[in-house]
């Protein structure tokens, strides 16, 4: 996993914890269940990887 993907996960978790939210509470706030919230983060990580790869013609 690339560093920028790990950093995204850390930033999201830190922001959630700063607001004293569990993953389930965050999911409830955005109107989905906990599994969907995890899938959203995975999708964002995948999109970041595609963007990074697309921006680097050497890969």
C-alpha atoms as a PDB file:
ATOM      1  CA  UNK A   1       0.000   0.000   0.000  1.00  0.00           C
ATOM      2  CA  UNK A   2       1.338   3.446  -0.918  1.00  0.00           C
ATOM      3  CA  UNK A   3       2.177   5.949   1.792  1.00  0.00           C
ATOM      4  CA  UNK A   4      -0.479   8.423   0.612  1.00  0.00           C
ATOM      5  CA  UNK A   5      -3.179   5.763   1.041  1.00  0.00           C
ATOM      6  CA  UNK A   6      -1.941   4.958   4.539  1.00  0.00           C
ATOM      7  CA  UNK A   7      -1.867   8.677   5.295  1.00  0.00           C
ATOM      8  CA  UNK A   8      -5.481   9.081   4.139  1.00  0.00           C
ATOM      9  CA  UNK A   9      -6.587   6.312   6.472  1.00  0.00           C
ATOM     10  CA  UNK A  10      -4.667   7.926   9.343  1.00  0.00           C
ATOM     11  CA  UNK A  11      -6.184  11.356   8.660  1.00  0.00           C
ATOM     12  CA  UNK A  12      -9.730   9.998   8.482  1.00  0.00           C
ATOM     13  CA  UNK A  13      -9.261   8.000  11.676  1.00  0.00           C
ATOM     14  CA  UNK A  14      -7.654  10.931  13.515  1.00  0.00           C
ATOM     15  CA  UNK A  15     -10.495  13.268  12.517  1.00  0.00           C
ATOM     16  CA  UNK A  16     -13.083  10.703  13.582  1.00  0.00           C
ATOM     17  CA  UNK A  17     -11.359  10.130  16.919  1.00  0.00           C
ATOM     18  CA  UNK A  18     -10.913  13.872  17.480  1.00  0.00           C
ATOM     19  CA  UNK A  19     -14.691  14.170  17.270  1.00  0.00           C
ATOM     20  CA  UNK A  20     -15.010  11.149  19.611  1.00  0.00           C
ATOM     21  CA  UNK A  21     -16.855   9.123  16.963  1.00  0.00           C
ATOM     22  CA  UNK A  22     -16.729   5.389  16.531  1.00  0.00           C
ATOM     23  CA  UNK A  23     -16.786   4.024  12.999  1.00  0.00           C
ATOM     24  CA  UNK A  24     -20.422   3.035  13.595  1.00  0.00           C
ATOM     25  CA  UNK A  25     -21.331   6.546  14.786  1.00  0.00           C
ATOM     26  CA  UNK A  26     -19.646   8.115  11.764  1.00  0.00           C
ATOM     27  CA  UNK A  27     -21.500   5.735   9.465  1.00  0.00           C
ATOM     28  CA  UNK A  28     -24.790   6.693  11.108  1.00  0.00           C
ATOM     29  CA  UNK A  29     -24.018  10.398  10.640  1.00  0.00           C
ATOM     30  CA  UNK A  30     -23.394   9.971   6.915  1.00  0.00           C
ATOM     31  CA  UNK A  31     -26.463   7.777   6.506  1.00  0.00           C
ATOM     32  CA  UNK A  32     -25.017   4.327   5.941  1.00  0.00           C
ATOM     33  CA  UNK A  33     -24.033   1.268   7.921  1.00  0.00           C
ATOM     34  CA  UNK A  34     -20.533   0.539   9.197  1.00  0.00           C
ATOM     35  CA  UNK A  35     -19.705  -1.819   6.315  1.00  0.00           C
ATOM     36  CA  UNK A  36     -20.717   0.783   3.730  1.00  0.00           C
ATOM     37  CA  UNK A  37     -18.527   3.392   5.462  1.00  0.00           C
ATOM     38  CA  UNK A  38     -15.550   1.029   5.233  1.00  0.00           C
ATOM     39  CA  UNK A  39     -16.333   0.394   1.558  1.00  0.00           C
ATOM     40  CA  UNK A  40     -16.466   4.136   0.879  1.00  0.00           C
ATOM     41  CA  UNK A  41     -12.982   4.575   2.348  1.00  0.00           C
ATOM     42  CA  UNK A  42     -11.723   1.620   0.291  1.00  0.00           C
ATOM     43  CA  UNK A  43     -13.189   3.164  -2.860  1.00  0.00           C
ATOM     44  CA  UNK A  44     -11.510   6.490  -2.113  1.00  0.00           C
ATOM     45  CA  UNK A  45      -8.191   4.727  -1.544  1.00  0.00           C
ATOM     46  CA  UNK A  46      -8.587   2.933  -4.893  1.00  0.00           C
ATOM     47  CA  UNK A  47      -9.388   6.187  -6.686  1.00  0.00           C
ATOM     48  CA  UNK A  48      -6.346   7.870  -5.146  1.00  0.00           C
ATOM     49  CA  UNK A  49      -4.174   5.020  -6.393  1.00  0.00           C
ATOM     50  CA  UNK A  50      -5.595   5.436  -9.907  1.00  0.00           C
ATOM     51  CA  UNK A  51      -5.057   9.190  -9.827  1.00  0.00           C
ATOM     52  CA  UNK A  52      -1.495   8.750  -8.594  1.00  0.00           C
ATOM     53  CA  UNK A  53      -0.732   6.171 -11.270  1.00  0.00           C
ATOM     54  CA  UNK A  54      -2.339   8.295 -13.986  1.00  0.00           C
ATOM     55  CA  UNK A  55      -0.259  11.290 -12.987  1.00  0.00           C
ATOM     56  CA  UNK A  56       2.995   9.344 -13.273  1.00  0.00           C
ATOM     57  CA  UNK A  57       3.673   8.214 -16.826  1.00  0.00           C
ATOM     58  CA  UNK A  58       6.640   6.141 -15.619  1.00  0.00           C
ATOM     59  CA  UNK A  59       4.393   3.545 -13.945  1.00  0.00           C
END
